[in-house]
Protein backbone atom coordinates (compact mmCIF):
# COMPACT_ATOMS: atom_id res chain seq x y z
CA MET A 1 3.67 -11.87 22.04
CA ARG A 2 0.68 -10.36 24.07
CA GLU A 3 0.90 -6.63 23.73
CA LEU A 4 0.41 -5.09 20.48
CA GLN A 5 2.18 -1.46 19.86
CA THR A 6 1.82 0.83 16.83
CA LEU A 7 4.74 2.01 14.82
CA THR A 8 4.66 4.64 12.30
CA ILE A 9 7.19 4.55 9.30
CA THR A 10 7.59 8.05 7.83
CA GLU A 11 8.10 8.75 4.22
CA LYS A 12 11.48 9.59 4.71
CA GLY A 13 12.20 6.26 6.36
CA GLN A 14 13.17 7.92 9.70
CA ALA A 15 12.61 4.82 11.33
CA GLN A 16 15.68 3.43 9.51
CA PHE A 17 14.15 0.57 7.99
CA PRO A 18 15.96 -0.81 4.84
CA ALA A 19 14.50 0.98 1.52
CA SER A 20 14.28 -2.90 -0.16
CA TRP A 21 12.10 -3.99 3.00
CA ARG A 22 9.72 -0.62 2.79
CA LYS A 23 9.28 -1.31 -0.76
CA THR A 24 8.20 -4.72 -0.64
CA ALA A 25 5.96 -4.05 2.25
CA GLY A 26 4.33 -1.12 0.39
CA LEU A 27 5.71 1.46 2.80
CA MET A 28 7.83 3.59 0.75
CA HIS A 29 5.53 6.65 1.42
CA GLY A 30 5.29 5.79 5.02
CA GLY A 31 2.42 3.88 6.90
CA PRO A 32 1.40 2.33 10.32
CA CYS A 33 3.05 -1.33 11.26
CA ASP A 34 2.11 -3.55 14.32
CA VAL A 35 4.94 -4.34 16.94
CA ARG A 36 5.04 -7.36 19.07
CA LEU A 37 7.76 -8.37 21.48
CA VAL A 38 8.83 -11.65 20.98
CA ASN A 39 9.67 -13.22 24.39
CA ASP A 40 12.94 -15.05 23.08
CA GLY A 41 15.22 -13.79 25.62
CA ARG A 42 17.01 -11.50 23.09
CA GLN A 43 14.50 -8.58 23.27
CA SER A 44 13.42 -9.31 19.45
CA LEU A 45 10.66 -7.33 17.95
CA LEU A 46 8.02 -8.73 15.27
CA ILE A 47 7.01 -5.99 13.08
CA THR A 48 4.18 -6.52 10.40
CA PRO A 49 2.90 -3.81 8.10
CA ARG A 50 -0.68 -3.17 8.30
CA PRO A 51 -2.46 -3.44 4.97
CA ARG A 52 -3.15 0.05 3.34
CA ARG A 53 -6.51 0.95 2.39
CA ARG A 54 -7.42 2.29 -0.91
CA ARG A 55 -8.33 5.73 -1.31
CA GLY A 56 -10.88 6.46 -3.85
CA ALA A 57 -9.78 5.80 -7.40
CA VAL A 58 -5.97 5.88 -6.81
CA GLY A 59 -4.45 3.24 -9.33
CA LEU A 60 -7.88 2.55 -10.98
CA LEU A 61 -6.62 3.34 -14.25
CA LYS A 62 -3.57 1.21 -14.06
CA HIS A 63 -5.50 -1.88 -12.71
CA LEU A 64 -8.18 -1.47 -15.82
CA GLN A 65 -5.24 -1.21 -18.41
CA ASN A 66 -3.74 -4.55 -17.11
CA GLN A 67 -7.12 -6.31 -17.63
CA PRO A 68 -6.96 -8.88 -20.40
CA ALA A 69 -10.28 -7.93 -22.00
CA ALA A 70 -10.33 -4.81 -23.81
CA PHE A 71 -13.43 -2.32 -23.53
CA PRO A 72 -15.84 -2.20 -26.28
CA LYS A 73 -15.80 0.73 -29.02
CA VAL A 74 -18.14 3.40 -28.16
CA GLU A 75 -20.32 4.09 -31.12
CA ARG A 76 -19.87 7.71 -32.02
CA HIS A 77 -22.82 10.03 -33.36
CA THR A 78 -22.80 13.62 -34.57
CA MET A 79 -24.66 16.34 -32.78
CA PRO A 80 -27.50 17.82 -34.80
CA ALA A 81 -26.51 21.67 -35.60
CA LYS A 82 -28.31 24.52 -34.24
């Protein structure tokens, strides 16, 4: 297992990997994987998904809503009239 190759799984799953595996690996929308040749005499491959980097605030609201502590209520005030 010396050489490392890169495989990109597309969003449509053109690499023909099972949907259940792509879902568990977080590759339903595609992404890169590391591929290594296993020297077992059967030409087996070891495919490892690369961790996806977070882009900005994607999923931040869902993460904050799942937190056990609620945000404190904001004290509101009225603006003075002109």
